[in-house]
PDB file of N, CA and C in Angstrom:
ATOM      1  N   MET A   1      93.576  99.480 105.833  1.00  0.00           N
ATOM      2  CA  MET A   1      94.861  98.759 105.788  1.00  0.00           C
ATOM      3  C   MET A   1      94.848  97.691 104.688  1.00  0.00           C
ATOM      4  N   ALA A   2      96.008  97.344 104.234  1.00  0.00           N
ATOM      5  CA  ALA A   2      96.113  96.329 103.170  1.00  0.00           C
ATOM      6  C   ALA A   2      95.994  94.929 103.767  1.00  0.00           C
ATOM      7  N   ARG A   3      96.097  93.926 102.909  1.00  0.00           N
ATOM      8  CA  ARG A   3      95.970  92.541 103.384  1.00  0.00           C
ATOM      9  C   ARG A   3      97.198  92.152 104.203  1.00  0.00           C
ATOM     10  N   GLY A   4      98.196  93.009 104.267  1.00  0.00           N
ATOM     11  CA  GLY A   4      99.376  92.703 105.065  1.00  0.00           C
ATOM     12  C   GLY A   4     100.607  92.503 104.191  1.00  0.00           C
ATOM     13  N   ASP A   5     100.398  92.355 102.884  1.00  0.00           N
ATOM     14  CA  ASP A   5     101.552  92.150 102.002  1.00  0.00           C
ATOM     15  C   ASP A   5     101.733  93.353 101.072  1.00  0.00           C
ATOM     16  N   LEU A   6     100.646  94.100 100.862  1.00  0.00           N
ATOM     17  CA  LEU A   6     100.740  95.269  99.981  1.00  0.00           C
ATOM     18  C   LEU A   6     100.022  96.454 100.620  1.00  0.00           C
ATOM     19  N   THR A   7     100.449  97.640 100.276  1.00  0.00           N
ATOM     20  CA  THR A   7      99.821  98.839 100.814  1.00  0.00           C
ATOM     21  C   THR A   7      98.811  99.389  99.813  1.00  0.00           C
ATOM     22  N   ASP A   8      97.988 100.316 100.270  1.00  0.00           N
ATOM     23  CA  ASP A   8      96.971 100.891  99.371  1.00  0.00           C
ATOM     24  C   ASP A   8      97.634 101.479  98.129  1.00  0.00           C
ATOM     25  N   THR A   9      98.788 102.101  98.320  1.00  0.00           N
ATOM     26  CA  THR A   9      99.484 102.709  97.176  1.00  0.00           C
ATOM     27  C   THR A   9      99.918 101.642  96.187  1.00  0.00           C
ATOM     28  N   GLN A  10     100.460 100.536  96.712  1.00  0.00           N
ATOM     29  CA  GLN A  10     100.907  99.451  95.824  1.00  0.00           C
ATOM     30  C   GLN A  10      99.709  98.816  95.141  1.00  0.00           C
ATOM     31  N   TRP A  11      98.627  98.603  95.889  1.00  0.00           N
ATOM     32  CA  TRP A  11      97.418  97.999  95.313  1.00  0.00           C
ATOM     33  C   TRP A  11      96.876  98.888  94.198  1.00  0.00           C
ATOM     34  N   ALA A  12      96.934 100.202  94.422  1.00  0.00           N
ATOM     35  CA  ALA A  12      96.411 101.139  93.415  1.00  0.00           C
ATOM     36  C   ALA A  12      97.112 100.916  92.080  1.00  0.00           C
ATOM     37  N   ARG A  13      98.402 100.512  92.132  1.00  0.00           N
ATOM     38  CA  ARG A  13      99.135 100.277  90.877  1.00  0.00           C
ATOM     39  C   ARG A  13      98.890  98.869  90.366  1.00  0.00           C
ATOM     40  N   LEU A  14      98.682  97.913  91.288  1.00  0.00           N
ATOM     41  CA  LEU A  14      98.525  96.513  90.867  1.00  0.00           C
ATOM     42  C   LEU A  14      97.092  96.214  90.443  1.00  0.00           C
ATOM     43  N   GLU A  15      96.128  96.832  91.096  1.00  0.00           N
ATOM     44  CA  GLU A  15      94.709  96.555  90.791  1.00  0.00           C
ATOM     45  C   GLU A  15      94.431  96.518  89.295  1.00  0.00           C
ATOM     46  N   PRO A  16      94.813  97.551  88.534  1.00  0.00           N
ATOM     47  CA  PRO A  16      94.546  97.568  87.082  1.00  0.00           C
ATOM     48  C   PRO A  16      95.322  96.489  86.338  1.00  0.00           C
ATOM     49  N   LEU A  17      96.373  95.958  86.954  1.00  0.00           N
ATOM     50  CA  LEU A  17      97.187  94.934  86.283  1.00  0.00           C
ATOM     51  C   LEU A  17      96.633  93.541  86.554  1.00  0.00           C
ATOM     52  N   LEU A  18      95.954  93.397  87.680  1.00  0.00           N
ATOM     53  CA  LEU A  18      95.407  92.076  88.031  1.00  0.00           C
ATOM     54  C   LEU A  18      94.246  91.713  87.111  1.00  0.00           C
ATOM     55  N   PRO A  19      94.088  90.419  86.821  1.00  0.00           N
ATOM     56  CA  PRO A  19      93.022  89.941  85.934  1.00  0.00           C
ATOM     57  C   PRO A  19      91.645  90.232  86.520  1.00  0.00           C
ATOM     58  N   ARG A  20      91.541  90.312  87.839  1.00  0.00           N
ATOM     59  CA  ARG A  20      90.239  90.566  88.475  1.00  0.00           C
ATOM     60  C   ARG A  20      89.980  92.068  88.566  1.00  0.00           C
ATOM     61  N   GLY A  21      91.030  92.858  88.535  1.00  0.00           N
ATOM     62  CA  GLY A  21      90.848  94.304  88.608  1.00  0.00           C
ATOM     63  C   GLY A  21      90.804  94.792  90.044  1.00  0.00           C
ATOM     64  N   LYS A  22      90.600  93.882  90.993  1.00  0.00           N
ATOM     65  CA  LYS A  22      90.585  94.285  92.420  1.00  0.00           C
ATOM     66  C   LYS A  22      91.327  93.255  93.257  1.00  0.00           C
ATOM     67  N   LYS A  23      91.416  93.516  94.542  1.00  0.00           N
ATOM     68  CA  LYS A  23      92.166  92.594  95.414  1.00  0.00           C
ATOM     69  C   LYS A  23      91.725  91.148  95.219  1.00  0.00           C
ATOM     70  N   PRO A  24      92.646  90.234  95.053  1.00  0.00           N
ATOM     71  CA  PRO A  24      92.335  88.808  94.872  1.00  0.00           C
ATOM     72  C   PRO A  24      91.665  88.217  96.106  1.00  0.00           C
ATOM     73  N   GLY A  25      90.997  87.097  95.950  1.00  0.00           N
ATOM     74  CA  GLY A  25      90.271  86.482  97.070  1.00  0.00           C
ATOM     75  C   GLY A  25      91.205  85.717  97.981  1.00  0.00           C
ATOM     76  N   ARG A  26      92.517  85.919  97.810  1.00  0.00           N
ATOM     77  CA  ARG A  26      93.447  85.206  98.683  1.00  0.00           C
ATOM     78  C   ARG A  26      93.428  85.898 100.014  1.00  0.00           C
TER      79      ARG A  26
END
């Protein structure tokens, strides 16, 4: 499951866009 704000599908698109490349530590 996602952190509650995004789904795996959304993360899959955002991950490469994020500066860390993976889910943020928030």
